[in-house]
mmCIF file of all heavy atoms, coordinates in Angstrom:
data_MODEL
# 
_entry.id   MODEL 
# 
loop_
_atom_site.group_PDB 
_atom_site.id 
_atom_site.type_symbol 
_atom_site.label_atom_id 
_atom_site.label_alt_id 
_atom_site.label_comp_id 
_atom_site.label_asym_id 
_atom_site.label_entity_id 
_atom_site.label_seq_id 
_atom_site.pdbx_PDB_ins_code 
_atom_site.Cartn_x 
_atom_site.Cartn_y 
_atom_site.Cartn_z 
_atom_site.occupancy 
_atom_site.B_iso_or_equiv 
_atom_site.pdbx_formal_charge 
_atom_site.auth_seq_id 
_atom_site.auth_comp_id 
_atom_site.auth_asym_id 
_atom_site.auth_atom_id 
_atom_site.pdbx_PDB_model_num 
ATOM 1   N N   . ALA A 1 1  ? 37.646 35.701 -138.108 1.00 0.00 ? 1  ALA A N   1 
ATOM 2   C CA  . ALA A 1 1  ? 36.577 34.591 -138.340 1.00 0.00 ? 1  ALA A CA  1 
ATOM 3   C C   . ALA A 1 1  ? 35.248 35.323 -138.208 1.00 0.00 ? 1  ALA A C   1 
ATOM 4   O O   . ALA A 1 1  ? 34.276 35.050 -139.077 1.00 0.00 ? 1  ALA A O   1 
ATOM 5   C CB  . ALA A 1 1  ? 36.706 33.520 -137.320 1.00 0.00 ? 1  ALA A CB  1 
ATOM 6   N N   . ARG A 1 2  ? 35.013 36.139 -137.186 1.00 0.00 ? 2  ARG A N   1 
ATOM 7   C CA  . ARG A 1 2  ? 33.735 36.820 -137.041 1.00 0.00 ? 2  ARG A CA  1 
ATOM 8   C C   . ARG A 1 2  ? 33.473 37.838 -138.220 1.00 0.00 ? 2  ARG A C   1 
ATOM 9   O O   . ARG A 1 2  ? 32.345 37.857 -138.704 1.00 0.00 ? 2  ARG A O   1 
ATOM 10  C CB  . ARG A 1 2  ? 33.714 37.693 -135.770 1.00 0.00 ? 2  ARG A CB  1 
ATOM 11  C CG  . ARG A 1 2  ? 33.557 36.957 -134.391 1.00 0.00 ? 2  ARG A CG  1 
ATOM 12  C CD  . ARG A 1 2  ? 33.235 37.849 -133.324 1.00 0.00 ? 2  ARG A CD  1 
ATOM 13  N NE  . ARG A 1 2  ? 34.234 38.931 -133.131 1.00 0.00 ? 2  ARG A NE  1 
ATOM 14  C CZ  . ARG A 1 2  ? 35.406 38.882 -132.421 1.00 0.00 ? 2  ARG A CZ  1 
ATOM 15  N NH1 . ARG A 1 2  ? 35.712 37.813 -131.987 1.00 0.00 ? 2  ARG A NH1 1 
ATOM 16  N NH2 . ARG A 1 2  ? 36.048 40.012 -132.450 1.00 0.00 ? 2  ARG A NH2 1 
ATOM 17  N N   . SER A 1 3  ? 34.550 38.385 -138.753 1.00 0.00 ? 3  SER A N   1 
ATOM 18  C CA  . SER A 1 3  ? 34.398 39.221 -139.936 1.00 0.00 ? 3  SER A CA  1 
ATOM 19  C C   . SER A 1 3  ? 34.024 38.454 -141.175 1.00 0.00 ? 3  SER A C   1 
ATOM 20  O O   . SER A 1 3  ? 33.184 38.896 -141.995 1.00 0.00 ? 3  SER A O   1 
ATOM 21  C CB  . SER A 1 3  ? 35.662 40.043 -140.091 1.00 0.00 ? 3  SER A CB  1 
ATOM 22  O OG  . SER A 1 3  ? 35.923 40.798 -139.031 1.00 0.00 ? 3  SER A OG  1 
ATOM 23  N N   . LEU A 1 4  ? 34.686 37.377 -141.311 1.00 0.00 ? 4  LEU A N   1 
ATOM 24  C CA  . LEU A 1 4  ? 34.322 36.407 -142.528 1.00 0.00 ? 4  LEU A CA  1 
ATOM 25  C C   . LEU A 1 4  ? 32.843 35.964 -142.497 1.00 0.00 ? 4  LEU A C   1 
ATOM 26  O O   . LEU A 1 4  ? 32.240 35.826 -143.565 1.00 0.00 ? 4  LEU A O   1 
ATOM 27  C CB  . LEU A 1 4  ? 35.237 35.363 -142.552 1.00 0.00 ? 4  LEU A CB  1 
ATOM 28  C CG  . LEU A 1 4  ? 36.658 35.679 -143.087 1.00 0.00 ? 4  LEU A CG  1 
ATOM 29  C CD1 . LEU A 1 4  ? 37.688 34.464 -142.999 1.00 0.00 ? 4  LEU A CD1 1 
ATOM 30  C CD2 . LEU A 1 4  ? 36.691 36.152 -144.535 1.00 0.00 ? 4  LEU A CD2 1 
ATOM 31  N N   . LYS A 1 5  ? 32.375 35.666 -141.303 1.00 0.00 ? 5  LYS A N   1 
ATOM 32  C CA  . LYS A 1 5  ? 30.922 35.170 -141.308 1.00 0.00 ? 5  LYS A CA  1 
ATOM 33  C C   . LYS A 1 5  ? 29.936 36.158 -141.823 1.00 0.00 ? 5  LYS A C   1 
ATOM 34  O O   . LYS A 1 5  ? 29.011 35.802 -142.316 1.00 0.00 ? 5  LYS A O   1 
ATOM 35  C CB  . LYS A 1 5  ? 30.662 34.852 -139.733 1.00 0.00 ? 5  LYS A CB  1 
ATOM 36  C CG  . LYS A 1 5  ? 31.244 33.610 -139.287 1.00 0.00 ? 5  LYS A CG  1 
ATOM 37  C CD  . LYS A 1 5  ? 30.825 33.345 -137.791 1.00 0.00 ? 5  LYS A CD  1 
ATOM 38  C CE  . LYS A 1 5  ? 31.453 32.185 -137.349 1.00 0.00 ? 5  LYS A CE  1 
ATOM 39  N NZ  . LYS A 1 5  ? 31.035 31.880 -135.881 1.00 0.00 ? 5  LYS A NZ  1 
ATOM 40  N N   . GLU A 1 6  ? 30.328 37.438 -141.721 1.00 0.00 ? 6  GLU A N   1 
ATOM 41  C CA  . GLU A 1 6  ? 29.508 38.512 -142.201 1.00 0.00 ? 6  GLU A CA  1 
ATOM 42  C C   . GLU A 1 6  ? 29.363 38.535 -143.839 1.00 0.00 ? 6  GLU A C   1 
ATOM 43  O O   . GLU A 1 6  ? 28.433 39.106 -144.363 1.00 0.00 ? 6  GLU A O   1 
ATOM 44  C CB  . GLU A 1 6  ? 29.815 39.933 -141.756 1.00 0.00 ? 6  GLU A CB  1 
ATOM 45  C CG  . GLU A 1 6  ? 29.720 40.012 -140.267 1.00 0.00 ? 6  GLU A CG  1 
ATOM 46  C CD  . GLU A 1 6  ? 30.153 41.434 -139.878 1.00 0.00 ? 6  GLU A CD  1 
ATOM 47  O OE1 . GLU A 1 6  ? 29.916 42.401 -140.511 1.00 0.00 ? 6  GLU A OE1 1 
ATOM 48  O OE2 . GLU A 1 6  ? 30.558 41.648 -138.708 1.00 0.00 ? 6  GLU A OE2 1 
ATOM 49  N N   . VAL A 1 7  ? 30.330 37.997 -144.474 1.00 0.00 ? 7  VAL A N   1 
ATOM 50  C CA  . VAL A 1 7  ? 30.312 37.919 -145.894 1.00 0.00 ? 7  VAL A CA  1 
ATOM 51  C C   . VAL A 1 7  ? 30.447 36.584 -146.479 1.00 0.00 ? 7  VAL A C   1 
ATOM 52  O O   . VAL A 1 7  ? 30.656 36.361 -147.734 1.00 0.00 ? 7  VAL A O   1 
ATOM 53  C CB  . VAL A 1 7  ? 31.444 38.820 -146.482 1.00 0.00 ? 7  VAL A CB  1 
ATOM 54  C CG1 . VAL A 1 7  ? 31.325 40.227 -146.164 1.00 0.00 ? 7  VAL A CG1 1 
ATOM 55  C CG2 . VAL A 1 7  ? 32.840 38.280 -146.008 1.00 0.00 ? 7  VAL A CG2 1 
ATOM 56  N N   . ARG A 1 8  ? 30.137 35.534 -145.696 1.00 0.00 ? 8  ARG A N   1 
ATOM 57  C CA  . ARG A 1 8  ? 30.214 34.201 -146.140 1.00 0.00 ? 8  ARG A CA  1 
ATOM 58  C C   . ARG A 1 8  ? 29.342 33.764 -147.370 1.00 0.00 ? 8  ARG A C   1 
ATOM 59  O O   . ARG A 1 8  ? 29.668 32.746 -147.915 1.00 0.00 ? 8  ARG A O   1 
ATOM 60  C CB  . ARG A 1 8  ? 30.149 33.195 -145.046 1.00 0.00 ? 8  ARG A CB  1 
ATOM 61  C CG  . ARG A 1 8  ? 28.720 33.050 -144.505 1.00 0.00 ? 8  ARG A CG  1 
ATOM 62  C CD  . ARG A 1 8  ? 28.788 32.084 -143.310 1.00 0.00 ? 8  ARG A CD  1 
ATOM 63  N NE  . ARG A 1 8  ? 27.632 32.296 -142.513 1.00 0.00 ? 8  ARG A NE  1 
ATOM 64  C CZ  . ARG A 1 8  ? 27.563 31.967 -141.250 1.00 0.00 ? 8  ARG A CZ  1 
ATOM 65  N NH1 . ARG A 1 8  ? 28.555 31.388 -140.681 1.00 0.00 ? 8  ARG A NH1 1 
ATOM 66  N NH2 . ARG A 1 8  ? 26.508 32.175 -140.497 1.00 0.00 ? 8  ARG A NH2 1 
ATOM 67  N N   . GLU A 1 9  ? 28.331 34.453 -147.605 1.00 0.00 ? 9  GLU A N   1 
ATOM 68  C CA  . GLU A 1 9  ? 27.515 34.049 -148.805 1.00 0.00 ? 9  GLU A CA  1 
ATOM 69  C C   . GLU A 1 9  ? 28.047 34.399 -150.191 1.00 0.00 ? 9  GLU A C   1 
ATOM 70  O O   . GLU A 1 9  ? 27.480 34.075 -151.175 1.00 0.00 ? 9  GLU A O   1 
ATOM 71  C CB  . GLU A 1 9  ? 26.019 34.538 -148.498 1.00 0.00 ? 9  GLU A CB  1 
ATOM 72  C CG  . GLU A 1 9  ? 25.899 36.115 -148.717 1.00 0.00 ? 9  GLU A CG  1 
ATOM 73  C CD  . GLU A 1 9  ? 26.297 36.889 -147.392 1.00 0.00 ? 9  GLU A CD  1 
ATOM 74  O OE1 . GLU A 1 9  ? 26.469 36.178 -146.320 1.00 0.00 ? 9  GLU A OE1 1 
ATOM 75  O OE2 . GLU A 1 9  ? 26.286 38.026 -147.470 1.00 0.00 ? 9  GLU A OE2 1 
ATOM 76  N N   . HIS A 1 10 ? 29.073 35.108 -150.221 1.00 0.00 ? 10 HIS A N   1 
ATOM 77  C CA  . HIS A 1 10 ? 29.656 35.577 -151.511 1.00 0.00 ? 10 HIS A CA  1 
ATOM 78  C C   . HIS A 1 10 ? 30.613 34.491 -151.996 1.00 0.00 ? 10 HIS A C   1 
ATOM 79  O O   . HIS A 1 10 ? 31.231 33.610 -151.277 1.00 0.00 ? 10 HIS A O   1 
ATOM 80  C CB  . HIS A 1 10 ? 30.416 36.896 -151.233 1.00 0.00 ? 10 HIS A CB  1 
ATOM 81  C CG  . HIS A 1 10 ? 29.481 37.888 -150.769 1.00 0.00 ? 10 HIS A CG  1 
ATOM 82  N ND1 . HIS A 1 10 ? 28.611 38.563 -151.611 1.00 0.00 ? 10 HIS A ND1 1 
ATOM 83  C CD2 . HIS A 1 10 ? 29.218 38.452 -149.532 1.00 0.00 ? 10 HIS A CD2 1 
ATOM 84  C CE1 . HIS A 1 10 ? 27.887 39.410 -151.030 1.00 0.00 ? 10 HIS A CE1 1 
ATOM 85  N NE2 . HIS A 1 10 ? 28.240 39.403 -149.748 1.00 0.00 ? 10 HIS A NE2 1 
ATOM 86  N N   . LYS A 1 11 ? 30.791 34.461 -153.323 1.00 0.00 ? 11 LYS A N   1 
ATOM 87  C CA  . LYS A 1 11 ? 31.583 33.375 -153.999 1.00 0.00 ? 11 LYS A CA  1 
ATOM 88  C C   . LYS A 1 11 ? 33.041 33.543 -153.823 1.00 0.00 ? 11 LYS A C   1 
ATOM 89  O O   . LYS A 1 11 ? 33.789 32.538 -153.826 1.00 0.00 ? 11 LYS A O   1 
ATOM 90  C CB  . LYS A 1 11 ? 31.173 33.312 -155.561 1.00 0.00 ? 11 LYS A CB  1 
ATOM 91  C CG  . LYS A 1 11 ? 29.723 32.943 -155.771 1.00 0.00 ? 11 LYS A CG  1 
ATOM 92  C CD  . LYS A 1 11 ? 29.627 31.406 -155.454 1.00 0.00 ? 11 LYS A CD  1 
ATOM 93  C CE  . LYS A 1 11 ? 28.146 31.090 -155.597 1.00 0.00 ? 11 LYS A CE  1 
ATOM 94  N NZ  . LYS A 1 11 ? 27.727 29.849 -154.851 1.00 0.00 ? 11 LYS A NZ  1 
ATOM 95  N N   . GLU A 1 12 ? 33.498 34.783 -153.744 1.00 0.00 ? 12 GLU A N   1 
ATOM 96  C CA  . GLU A 1 12 ? 34.824 34.940 -153.741 1.00 0.00 ? 12 GLU A CA  1 
ATOM 97  C C   . GLU A 1 12 ? 35.225 36.041 -152.694 1.00 0.00 ? 12 GLU A C   1 
ATOM 98  O O   . GLU A 1 12 ? 34.660 37.059 -152.691 1.00 0.00 ? 12 GLU A O   1 
ATOM 99  C CB  . GLU A 1 12 ? 35.516 35.393 -155.116 1.00 0.00 ? 12 GLU A CB  1 
ATOM 100 C CG  . GLU A 1 12 ? 37.019 35.515 -155.125 1.00 0.00 ? 12 GLU A CG  1 
ATOM 101 C CD  . GLU A 1 12 ? 37.553 35.812 -156.438 1.00 0.00 ? 12 GLU A CD  1 
ATOM 102 O OE1 . GLU A 1 12 ? 37.377 35.053 -157.426 1.00 0.00 ? 12 GLU A OE1 1 
ATOM 103 O OE2 . GLU A 1 12 ? 38.067 36.926 -156.583 1.00 0.00 ? 12 GLU A OE2 1 
ATOM 104 N N   . ILE A 1 13 ? 36.154 35.688 -151.734 1.00 0.00 ? 13 ILE A N   1 
ATOM 105 C CA  . ILE A 1 13 ? 36.550 36.667 -150.702 1.00 0.00 ? 13 ILE A CA  1 
ATOM 106 C C   . ILE A 1 13 ? 38.039 36.895 -150.664 1.00 0.00 ? 13 ILE A C   1 
ATOM 107 O O   . ILE A 1 13 ? 38.761 35.840 -150.680 1.00 0.00 ? 13 ILE A O   1 
ATOM 108 C CB  . ILE A 1 13 ? 36.103 36.130 -149.317 1.00 0.00 ? 13 ILE A CB  1 
ATOM 109 C CG1 . ILE A 1 13 ? 34.539 36.046 -149.308 1.00 0.00 ? 13 ILE A CG1 1 
ATOM 110 C CG2 . ILE A 1 13 ? 36.475 37.062 -148.227 1.00 0.00 ? 13 ILE A CG2 1 
ATOM 111 C CD1 . ILE A 1 13 ? 33.933 35.527 -148.053 1.00 0.00 ? 13 ILE A CD1 1 
ATOM 112 N N   . GLN A 1 14 ? 38.290 38.016 -150.582 1.00 0.00 ? 14 GLN A N   1 
ATOM 113 C CA  . GLN A 1 14 ? 39.867 38.340 -150.517 1.00 0.00 ? 14 GLN A CA  1 
ATOM 114 C C   . GLN A 1 14 ? 40.041 38.969 -149.015 1.00 0.00 ? 14 GLN A C   1 
ATOM 115 O O   . GLN A 1 14 ? 39.369 39.920 -148.639 1.00 0.00 ? 14 GLN A O   1 
ATOM 116 C CB  . GLN A 1 14 ? 40.248 39.356 -151.574 1.00 0.00 ? 14 GLN A CB  1 
ATOM 117 C CG  . GLN A 1 14 ? 40.129 38.969 -152.985 1.00 0.00 ? 14 GLN A CG  1 
ATOM 118 C CD  . GLN A 1 14 ? 40.414 39.984 -154.019 1.00 0.00 ? 14 GLN A CD  1 
ATOM 119 O OE1 . GLN A 1 14 ? 40.522 41.062 -153.773 1.00 0.00 ? 14 GLN A OE1 1 
ATOM 120 N NE2 . GLN A 1 14 ? 40.611 39.462 -155.251 1.00 0.00 ? 14 GLN A NE2 1 
ATOM 121 N N   . LEU A 1 15 ? 40.986 38.341 -148.369 1.00 0.00 ? 15 LEU A N   1 
ATOM 122 C CA  . LEU A 1 15 ? 41.215 38.778 -147.020 1.00 0.00 ? 15 LEU A CA  1 
ATOM 123 C C   . LEU A 1 15 ? 42.685 39.438 -147.091 1.00 0.00 ? 15 LEU A C   1 
ATOM 124 O O   . LEU A 1 15 ? 43.563 38.757 -147.445 1.00 0.00 ? 15 LEU A O   1 
ATOM 125 C CB  . LEU A 1 15 ? 41.262 37.441 -146.169 1.00 0.00 ? 15 LEU A CB  1 
ATOM 126 C CG  . LEU A 1 15 ? 41.733 37.623 -144.639 1.00 0.00 ? 15 LEU A CG  1 
ATOM 127 C CD1 . LEU A 1 15 ? 40.766 38.721 -143.941 1.00 0.00 ? 15 LEU A CD1 1 
ATOM 128 C CD2 . LEU A 1 15 ? 41.753 36.444 -143.910 1.00 0.00 ? 15 LEU A CD2 1 
ATOM 129 N N   . PHE A 1 16 ? 42.746 40.505 -146.463 1.00 0.00 ? 16 PHE A N   1 
ATOM 130 C CA  . PHE A 1 16 ? 43.941 41.319 -146.451 1.00 0.00 ? 16 PHE A CA  1 
ATOM 131 C C   . PHE A 1 16 ? 44.384 41.546 -144.948 1.00 0.00 ? 16 PHE A C   1 
ATOM 132 O O   . PHE A 1 16 ? 43.464 41.926 -144.097 1.00 0.00 ? 16 PHE A O   1 
ATOM 133 C CB  . PHE A 1 16 ? 43.902 42.651 -147.119 1.00 0.00 ? 16 PHE A CB  1 
ATOM 134 C CG  . PHE A 1 16 ? 43.602 42.591 -148.499 1.00 0.00 ? 16 PHE A CG  1 
ATOM 135 C CD1 . PHE A 1 16 ? 42.267 42.570 -149.019 1.00 0.00 ? 16 PHE A CD1 1 
ATOM 136 C CD2 . PHE A 1 16 ? 44.609 42.560 -149.445 1.00 0.00 ? 16 PHE A CD2 1 
ATOM 137 C CE1 . PHE A 1 16 ? 42.116 42.525 -150.295 1.00 0.00 ? 16 PHE A CE1 1 
ATOM 138 C CE2 . PHE A 1 16 ? 44.503 42.554 -150.738 1.00 0.00 ? 16 PHE A CE2 1 
ATOM 139 C CZ  . PHE A 1 16 ? 43.105 42.509 -151.297 1.00 0.00 ? 16 PHE A CZ  1 
ATOM 140 N N   . VAL A 1 17 ? 45.670 41.008 -144.621 1.00 0.00 ? 17 VAL A N   1 
ATOM 141 C CA  . VAL A 1 17 ? 46.057 41.188 -143.269 1.00 0.00 ? 17 VAL A CA  1 
ATOM 142 C C   . VAL A 1 17 ? 47.476 41.756 -143.225 1.00 0.00 ? 17 VAL A C   1 
ATOM 143 O O   . VAL A 1 17 ? 48.113 41.898 -144.304 1.00 0.00 ? 17 VAL A O   1 
ATOM 144 C CB  . VAL A 1 17 ? 46.086 39.826 -142.453 1.00 0.00 ? 17 VAL A CB  1 
ATOM 145 C CG1 . VAL A 1 17 ? 44.677 39.220 -142.288 1.00 0.00 ? 17 VAL A CG1 1 
ATOM 146 C CG2 . VAL A 1 17 ? 47.053 38.835 -143.282 1.00 0.00 ? 17 VAL A CG2 1 
ATOM 147 N N   . SER A 1 18 ? 47.987 42.283 -142.071 1.00 0.00 ? 18 SER A N   1 
ATOM 148 C CA  . SER A 1 18 ? 49.332 42.708 -142.095 1.00 0.00 ? 18 SER A CA  1 
ATOM 149 C C   . SER A 1 18 ? 50.240 41.602 -142.238 1.00 0.00 ? 18 SER A C   1 
ATOM 150 O O   . SER A 1 18 ? 50.036 40.497 -141.917 1.00 0.00 ? 18 SER A O   1 
ATOM 151 C CB  . SER A 1 18 ? 49.594 43.476 -140.650 1.00 0.00 ? 18 SER A CB  1 
ATOM 152 O OG  . SER A 1 18 ? 49.758 42.387 -139.753 1.00 0.00 ? 18 SER A OG  1 
ATOM 153 N N   . PRO A 1 19 ? 51.578 41.922 -142.722 1.00 0.00 ? 19 PRO A N   1 
ATOM 154 C CA  . PRO A 1 19 ? 52.597 40.992 -142.854 1.00 0.00 ? 19 PRO A CA  1 
ATOM 155 C C   . PRO A 1 19 ? 52.862 40.171 -141.762 1.00 0.00 ? 19 PRO A C   1 
ATOM 156 O O   . PRO A 1 19 ? 53.178 39.006 -141.795 1.00 0.00 ? 19 PRO A O   1 
ATOM 157 C CB  . PRO A 1 19 ? 53.748 41.821 -143.362 1.00 0.00 ? 19 PRO A CB  1 
ATOM 158 C CG  . PRO A 1 19 ? 53.176 43.033 -144.052 1.00 0.00 ? 19 PRO A CG  1 
ATOM 159 C CD  . PRO A 1 19 ? 51.920 43.251 -143.255 1.00 0.00 ? 19 PRO A CD  1 
ATOM 160 N N   . LYS A 1 20 ? 52.699 40.888 -140.552 1.00 0.00 ? 20 LYS A N   1 
ATOM 161 C CA  . LYS A 1 20 ? 53.119 40.187 -139.271 1.00 0.00 ? 20 LYS A CA  1 
ATOM 162 C C   . LYS A 1 20 ? 52.166 39.059 -138.997 1.00 0.00 ? 20 LYS A C   1 
ATOM 163 O O   . LYS A 1 20 ? 52.446 38.081 -138.288 1.00 0.00 ? 20 LYS A O   1 
ATOM 164 C CB  . LYS A 1 20 ? 53.089 41.158 -138.112 1.00 0.00 ? 20 LYS A CB  1 
ATOM 165 C CG  . LYS A 1 20 ? 54.307 42.218 -138.069 1.00 0.00 ? 20 LYS A CG  1 
ATOM 166 C CD  . LYS A 1 20 ? 54.278 43.068 -136.949 1.00 0.00 ? 20 LYS A CD  1 
ATOM 167 C CE  . LYS A 1 20 ? 55.373 43.975 -137.068 1.00 0.00 ? 20 LYS A CE  1 
ATOM 168 N NZ  . LYS A 1 20 ? 55.365 44.903 -135.925 1.00 0.00 ? 20 LYS A NZ  1 
ATOM 169 N N   . LYS A 1 21 ? 50.830 39.124 -139.360 1.00 0.00 ? 21 LYS A N   1 
ATOM 170 C CA  . LYS A 1 21 ? 49.843 38.117 -139.117 1.00 0.00 ? 21 LYS A CA  1 
ATOM 171 C C   . LYS A 1 21 ? 49.590 37.147 -140.259 1.00 0.00 ? 21 LYS A C   1 
ATOM 172 O O   . LYS A 1 21 ? 48.859 36.239 -140.152 1.00 0.00 ? 21 LYS A O   1 
ATOM 173 C CB  . LYS A 1 21 ? 48.514 38.831 -138.831 1.00 0.00 ? 21 LYS A CB  1 
ATOM 174 C CG  . LYS A 1 21 ? 48.457 39.636 -137.484 1.00 0.00 ? 21 LYS A CG  1 
ATOM 175 C CD  . LYS A 1 21 ? 48.626 38.724 -136.307 1.00 0.00 ? 21 LYS A CD  1 
ATOM 176 C CE  . LYS A 1 21 ? 48.643 39.520 -135.102 1.00 0.00 ? 21 LYS A CE  1 
ATOM 177 N NZ  . LYS A 1 21 ? 48.895 38.752 -133.848 1.00 0.00 ? 21 LYS A NZ  1 
ATOM 178 N N   . TYR A 1 22 ? 50.162 37.515 -141.487 1.00 0.00 ? 22 TYR A N   1 
ATOM 179 C CA  . TYR A 1 22 ? 49.976 36.808 -142.653 1.00 0.00 ? 22 TYR A CA  1 
ATOM 180 C C   . TYR A 1 22 ? 50.280 35.333 -142.503 1.00 0.00 ? 22 TYR A C   1 
ATOM 181 O O   . TYR A 1 22 ? 49.325 34.386 -142.666 1.00 0.00 ? 22 TYR A O   1 
ATOM 182 C CB  . TYR A 1 22 ? 50.791 37.331 -143.717 1.00 0.00 ? 22 TYR A CB  1 
ATOM 183 C CG  . TYR A 1 22 ? 50.640 36.490 -145.064 1.00 0.00 ? 22 TYR A CG  1 
ATOM 184 C CD1 . TYR A 1 22 ? 49.438 36.617 -145.804 1.00 0.00 ? 22 TYR A CD1 1 
ATOM 185 C CD2 . TYR A 1 22 ? 51.650 35.699 -145.546 1.00 0.00 ? 22 TYR A CD2 1 
ATOM 186 C CE1 . TYR A 1 22 ? 49.296 35.953 -147.064 1.00 0.00 ? 22 TYR A CE1 1 
ATOM 187 C CE2 . TYR A 1 22 ? 51.409 34.936 -146.730 1.00 0.00 ? 22 TYR A CE2 1 
ATOM 188 C CZ  . TYR A 1 22 ? 50.211 35.054 -147.454 1.00 0.00 ? 22 TYR A CZ  1 
ATOM 189 O OH  . TYR A 1 22 ? 50.047 34.284 -148.609 1.00 0.00 ? 22 TYR A OH  1 
ATOM 190 N N   . ALA A 1 23 ? 51.492 34.900 -142.046 1.00 0.00 ? 23 ALA A N   1 
ATOM 191 C CA  . ALA A 1 23 ? 51.791 33.436 -141.911 1.00 0.00 ? 23 ALA A CA  1 
ATOM 192 C C   . ALA A 1 23 ? 50.809 32.771 -140.886 1.00 0.00 ? 23 ALA A C   1 
ATOM 193 O O   . ALA A 1 23 ? 50.362 31.661 -141.337 1.00 0.00 ? 23 ALA A O   1 
ATOM 194 C CB  . ALA A 1 23 ? 53.243 33.289 -141.300 1.00 0.00 ? 23 ALA A CB  1 
ATOM 195 N N   . TYR A 1 24 ? 50.478 33.351 -139.783 1.00 0.00 ? 24 TYR A N   1 
ATOM 196 C CA  . TYR A 1 24 ? 49.679 32.636 -138.877 1.00 0.00 ? 24 TYR A CA  1 
ATOM 197 C C   . TYR A 1 24 ? 48.175 32.397 -139.527 1.00 0.00 ? 24 TYR A C   1 
ATOM 198 O O   . TYR A 1 24 ? 47.511 31.440 -139.427 1.00 0.00 ? 24 TYR A O   1 
ATOM 199 C CB  . TYR A 1 24 ? 49.484 33.425 -137.558 1.00 0.00 ? 24 TYR A CB  1 
ATOM 200 C CG  . TYR A 1 24 ? 48.577 32.900 -136.621 1.00 0.00 ? 24 TYR A CG  1 
ATOM 201 C CD1 . TYR A 1 24 ? 49.099 31.915 -135.774 1.00 0.00 ? 24 TYR A CD1 1 
ATOM 202 C CD2 . TYR A 1 24 ? 47.334 33.351 -136.380 1.00 0.00 ? 24 TYR A CD2 1 
ATOM 203 C CE1 . TYR A 1 24 ? 48.204 31.279 -134.921 1.00 0.00 ? 24 TYR A CE1 1 
ATOM 204 C CE2 . TYR A 1 24 ? 46.440 32.588 -135.480 1.00 0.00 ? 24 TYR A CE2 1 
ATOM 205 C CZ  . TYR A 1 24 ? 46.859 31.633 -134.649 1.00 0.00 ? 24 TYR A CZ  1 
ATOM 206 O OH  . TYR A 1 24 ? 46.124 30.907 -133.854 1.00 0.00 ? 24 TYR A OH  1 
ATOM 207 N N   . VAL A 1 25 ? 47.612 33.508 -140.135 1.00 0.00 ? 25 VAL A N   1 
ATOM 208 C CA  . VAL A 1 25 ? 46.411 33.334 -140.788 1.00 0.00 ? 25 VAL A CA  1 
ATOM 209 C C   . VAL A 1 25 ? 46.368 32.278 -141.888 1.00 0.00 ? 25 VAL A C   1 
ATOM 210 O O   . VAL A 1 25 ? 45.466 31.466 -142.041 1.00 0.00 ? 25 VAL A O   1 
ATOM 211 C CB  . VAL A 1 25 ? 45.805 34.692 -141.406 1.00 0.00 ? 25 VAL A CB  1 
ATOM 212 C CG1 . VAL A 1 25 ? 44.555 34.574 -142.198 1.00 0.00 ? 25 VAL A CG1 1 
ATOM 213 C CG2 . VAL A 1 25 ? 45.629 35.612 -140.296 1.00 0.00 ? 25 VAL A CG2 1 
# 
């Protein structure tokens, strides 16, 4: 969430996480 706040003004954001955290995110 803190990281996303840094780029929130952009129109499209792609977030990559490890497979272990994917479902939770």
